[in-house]
Amino acid sequence: MTHTFSIKEALQFGWEKTRKHSGLLFQVVITLFAVQILSSIAGEVLEGTIDGIFAALLAAIVGAVIGVGAMRIVLKIATHQHTSYADIIPPLGLVWQYVVVTFFAALIIFLGLILLIIPGIYFALRYMFVRFAVLEGAGIKGSLSQSAKMTQGIKWKLLGFMLVLGLVNILGFLALIIGLLVTIPVTLIAYAHVYTVLKKSLPTEGATETAR
């Protein structure tokens, strides 16, 4: 199987799935926005107080949980699985793995950025799929390894893909911000679709053993 993907196909897939699941995705995006807005309001009103510290901590925890749930819903849609708004509250065991693997990937990317920026971009592309991998049960170490294999040899194309997704969301923001209600789901599902396409191109364990 060819180890590549189509940017156009990914965006078309994202658009079609967003249309099909528009009600659910609208709820998810509104929830994400609401958490961010409430967090900002609480931070300003309670700034410099103990209550403010607790509010910030609570907002961070709720934001992390909801964020994982949102990505879980997006991945389920991209892989044609049944999902509902209830999935926005994921299993706690999944949350801590997601947070830890995201932290490790971010740390590696940060260290790469310190080394003249280019290595940071390289590592950002190398580990861009760790969150989807951990959501599918690959574990922390397995997610880092799987993402590295999936992105091997196609980092320039992946860079172009991420730039296109960024441009789409900028256009959504310019459309009175309301456009983000559409562009965020479209780009996230397109992102998840590319993950699933590249994952299918990886050799299975059995095939790897035979090759050896």
Protein backbone atom coordinates (compact mmCIF):
# COMPACT_ATOMS: atom_id res chain seq x y z
CA MET A 1 0.00 0.00 0.00
CA THR A 2 1.32 3.45 -0.96
CA HIS A 3 2.58 5.50 1.98
CA THR A 4 1.00 8.83 1.03
CA PHE A 5 -2.26 10.75 1.12
CA SER A 6 -4.27 13.36 -0.76
CA ILE A 7 -4.75 16.80 0.79
CA LYS A 8 -7.77 17.47 -1.44
CA GLU A 9 -9.36 14.14 -0.54
CA ALA A 10 -8.78 14.77 3.19
CA LEU A 11 -10.51 18.16 3.04
CA GLN A 12 -13.40 16.74 1.02
CA PHE A 13 -13.75 13.94 3.56
CA GLY A 14 -13.72 16.48 6.40
CA TRP A 15 -16.40 18.57 4.71
CA GLU A 16 -18.67 15.60 3.99
CA LYS A 17 -18.41 14.23 7.53
CA THR A 18 -18.98 17.71 9.01
CA ARG A 19 -22.18 18.05 6.99
CA LYS A 20 -23.36 14.59 8.04
CA HIS A 21 -22.62 15.14 11.75
CA SER A 22 -23.20 18.91 11.84
CA GLY A 23 -25.46 18.85 14.93
CA LEU A 24 -23.04 16.87 17.07
CA LEU A 25 -19.98 18.80 15.90
CA PHE A 26 -21.73 22.13 16.52
CA GLN A 27 -22.33 21.05 20.13
CA VAL A 28 -18.70 20.00 20.51
CA VAL A 29 -17.24 23.25 19.14
CA ILE A 30 -19.65 25.39 21.18
CA THR A 31 -18.63 23.46 24.30
CA LEU A 32 -14.94 24.07 23.59
CA PHE A 33 -15.60 27.78 23.05
CA ALA A 34 -17.71 27.99 26.22
CA VAL A 35 -14.96 26.42 28.35
CA GLN A 36 -12.42 28.89 26.98
CA ILE A 37 -14.70 31.90 27.53
CA LEU A 38 -15.66 30.88 31.09
CA SER A 39 -12.00 30.26 31.89
CA SER A 40 -11.05 33.74 30.66
CA ILE A 41 -13.87 35.41 32.59
CA ALA A 42 -13.03 33.56 35.81
CA GLY A 43 -9.36 34.43 35.38
CA GLU A 44 -10.06 38.15 35.06
CA VAL A 45 -12.68 38.37 37.81
CA LEU A 46 -10.72 36.30 40.35
CA GLU A 47 -7.21 37.36 39.32
CA GLY A 48 -4.72 37.42 42.18
CA THR A 49 -6.93 35.50 44.62
CA ILE A 50 -6.85 31.96 45.98
CA ASP A 51 -10.23 31.38 44.36
CA GLY A 52 -8.68 32.50 41.10
CA ILE A 53 -5.93 29.90 41.41
CA PHE A 54 -8.47 27.14 42.06
CA ALA A 55 -10.66 28.40 39.22
CA ALA A 56 -7.70 28.37 36.83
CA LEU A 57 -6.76 24.84 37.91
CA LEU A 58 -10.33 23.63 37.53
CA ALA A 59 -10.62 25.27 34.10
CA ALA A 60 -7.37 23.58 33.00
CA ILE A 61 -8.64 20.17 34.11
CA VAL A 62 -12.06 20.62 32.50
CA GLY A 63 -10.44 21.97 29.33
CA ALA A 64 -8.10 18.97 29.12
CA VAL A 65 -10.91 16.46 29.62
CA ILE A 66 -13.21 18.16 27.10
CA GLY A 67 -10.34 18.52 24.63
CA VAL A 68 -9.59 14.80 24.77
CA GLY A 69 -13.28 14.02 24.41
CA ALA A 70 -13.57 16.28 21.36
CA MET A 71 -10.62 14.58 19.65
CA ARG A 72 -12.13 11.19 20.51
CA ILE A 73 -15.40 12.17 18.82
CA VAL A 74 -13.53 13.47 15.76
CA LEU A 75 -11.54 10.24 15.47
CA LYS A 76 -14.67 8.11 15.80
CA ILE A 77 -16.35 10.09 13.02
CA ALA A 78 -13.27 9.74 10.80
CA THR A 79 -13.17 5.97 11.37
CA HIS A 80 -16.92 5.54 10.77
CA GLN A 81 -17.70 4.56 14.37
CA HIS A 82 -20.87 5.44 16.22
CA THR A 83 -20.41 8.41 18.52
CA SER A 84 -22.53 10.83 20.51
CA TYR A 85 -22.13 13.95 22.62
CA ALA A 86 -21.67 11.74 25.70
CA ASP A 87 -18.24 10.78 24.31
CA ILE A 88 -17.00 14.28 25.14
CA ILE A 89 -16.36 12.89 28.63
CA PRO A 90 -13.69 10.24 27.95
CA PRO A 91 -12.41 7.53 30.31
CA LEU A 92 -10.01 9.06 32.85
CA GLY A 93 -7.35 6.46 32.02
CA LEU A 94 -7.35 7.75 28.46
CA VAL A 95 -7.09 11.36 29.58
CA TRP A 96 -3.86 10.97 31.55
CA GLN A 97 -2.19 9.01 28.73
CA TYR A 98 -3.26 11.68 26.24
CA VAL A 99 -1.94 14.49 28.45
CA VAL A 100 1.37 12.70 29.12
CA VAL A 101 2.07 11.83 25.47
CA THR A 102 1.13 15.38 24.43
CA PHE A 103 3.54 16.74 27.06
CA PHE A 104 6.41 14.51 25.89
CA ALA A 105 5.84 15.41 22.25
CA ALA A 106 5.64 19.13 23.12
CA LEU A 107 8.86 18.88 25.16
CA ILE A 108 10.71 17.22 22.27
CA ILE A 109 9.41 19.87 19.87
CA PHE A 110 10.40 22.68 22.25
CA LEU A 111 13.93 21.32 22.58
CA GLY A 112 14.08 21.09 18.79
CA LEU A 113 12.98 24.71 18.44
CA ILE A 114 15.79 25.77 20.74
CA LEU A 115 18.16 24.04 18.31
CA LEU A 116 17.70 26.62 15.53
CA ILE A 117 13.93 26.08 14.90
CA ILE A 118 14.25 23.62 11.98
CA PRO A 119 14.63 20.55 14.25
CA GLY A 120 11.54 21.72 16.14
CA ILE A 121 9.48 21.76 12.95
CA TYR A 122 10.85 18.32 12.07
CA PHE A 123 9.82 16.88 15.44
CA ALA A 124 6.41 18.60 15.28
CA LEU A 125 5.72 16.75 12.03
CA ARG A 126 7.29 13.51 13.29
CA TYR A 127 4.99 13.36 16.31
CA MET A 128 1.86 15.02 14.87
CA PHE A 129 -0.25 11.86 15.20
CA VAL A 130 0.61 10.80 18.76
CA ARG A 131 -2.72 11.98 20.17
CA PHE A 132 -4.79 9.94 17.72
CA ALA A 133 -2.57 6.91 18.29
CA VAL A 134 -2.95 7.07 22.07
CA LEU A 135 -6.72 7.43 21.69
CA GLU A 136 -6.69 4.12 19.83
CA GLY A 137 -4.85 2.40 22.66
CA ALA A 138 -1.26 2.48 21.39
CA GLY A 139 0.04 3.65 24.78
CA ILE A 140 2.52 6.45 25.41
CA LYS A 141 5.68 4.85 24.00
CA GLY A 142 3.78 3.10 21.23
CA SER A 143 2.12 6.34 20.13
CA LEU A 144 5.46 8.13 19.75
CA SER A 145 6.88 5.20 17.78
CA GLN A 146 3.81 4.81 15.57
CA SER A 147 3.66 8.50 14.67
CA ALA A 148 7.36 8.47 13.76
CA LYS A 149 6.80 5.54 11.38
CA MET A 150 3.67 7.06 9.84
CA THR A 151 5.36 10.36 9.00
CA GLN A 152 8.56 8.86 7.63
CA GLY A 153 9.45 10.12 4.16
CA ILE A 154 6.44 12.46 3.74
CA LYS A 155 7.19 15.34 6.10
CA TRP A 156 7.24 17.98 3.36
CA LYS A 157 3.75 16.94 2.26
CA LEU A 158 2.58 16.90 5.87
CA LEU A 159 3.96 20.41 6.33
CA GLY A 160 1.98 21.55 3.30
CA PHE A 161 -1.12 19.84 4.70
CA MET A 162 -0.81 21.60 8.06
CA LEU A 163 -0.31 24.95 6.34
CA VAL A 164 -3.48 24.37 4.32
CA LEU A 165 -5.43 23.50 7.49
CA GLY A 166 -4.11 26.66 9.13
CA LEU A 167 -5.18 28.75 6.13
CA VAL A 168 -8.67 27.23 6.17
CA ASN A 169 -9.10 28.14 9.84
CA ILE A 170 -7.78 31.66 9.23
CA LEU A 171 -10.46 32.08 6.58
CA GLY A 172 -13.00 30.76 9.10
CA PHE A 173 -11.85 33.34 11.64
CA LEU A 174 -12.07 36.15 9.09
CA ALA A 175 -15.66 35.12 8.29
CA LEU A 176 -16.85 36.95 11.42
CA ILE A 177 -15.38 34.12 13.55
CA ILE A 178 -18.62 32.16 13.00
CA GLY A 179 -16.84 30.39 10.16
CA LEU A 180 -14.74 28.57 12.75
CA LEU A 181 -17.85 26.58 13.68
CA VAL A 182 -17.42 24.97 10.27
CA THR A 183 -13.69 25.09 9.61
CA ILE A 184 -12.59 23.64 12.96
CA PRO A 185 -14.57 20.39 12.52
CA VAL A 186 -13.63 20.15 8.83
CA THR A 187 -9.92 20.50 9.49
CA LEU A 188 -9.88 18.23 12.55
CA ILE A 189 -11.70 15.46 10.69
CA ALA A 190 -9.39 15.92 7.69
CA TYR A 191 -6.46 15.61 10.13
CA ALA A 192 -7.90 12.42 11.61
CA HIS A 193 -8.57 11.06 8.11
CA VAL A 194 -4.93 11.48 7.11
CA TYR A 195 -3.98 9.62 10.30
CA THR A 196 -6.21 6.68 9.39
CA VAL A 197 -4.95 6.60 5.79
CA LEU A 198 -1.29 6.58 6.83
CA LYS A 199 -1.95 4.03 9.57
CA LYS A 200 -3.35 1.61 7.00
CA SER A 201 -0.14 1.90 5.00
CA LEU A 202 1.98 0.66 7.91
CA PRO A 203 3.06 -2.99 7.73
CA THR A 204 1.32 -5.29 10.18
CA GLU A 205 3.34 -7.10 12.84
CA GLY A 206 2.91 -10.34 10.96
CA ALA A 207 4.16 -8.80 7.73
CA THR A 208 7.12 -7.31 9.57
CA GLU A 209 8.10 -10.68 11.03
CA THR A 210 7.82 -12.31 7.61
CA ALA A 211 10.00 -9.62 6.09
CA ARG A 212 12.65 -10.31 8.71
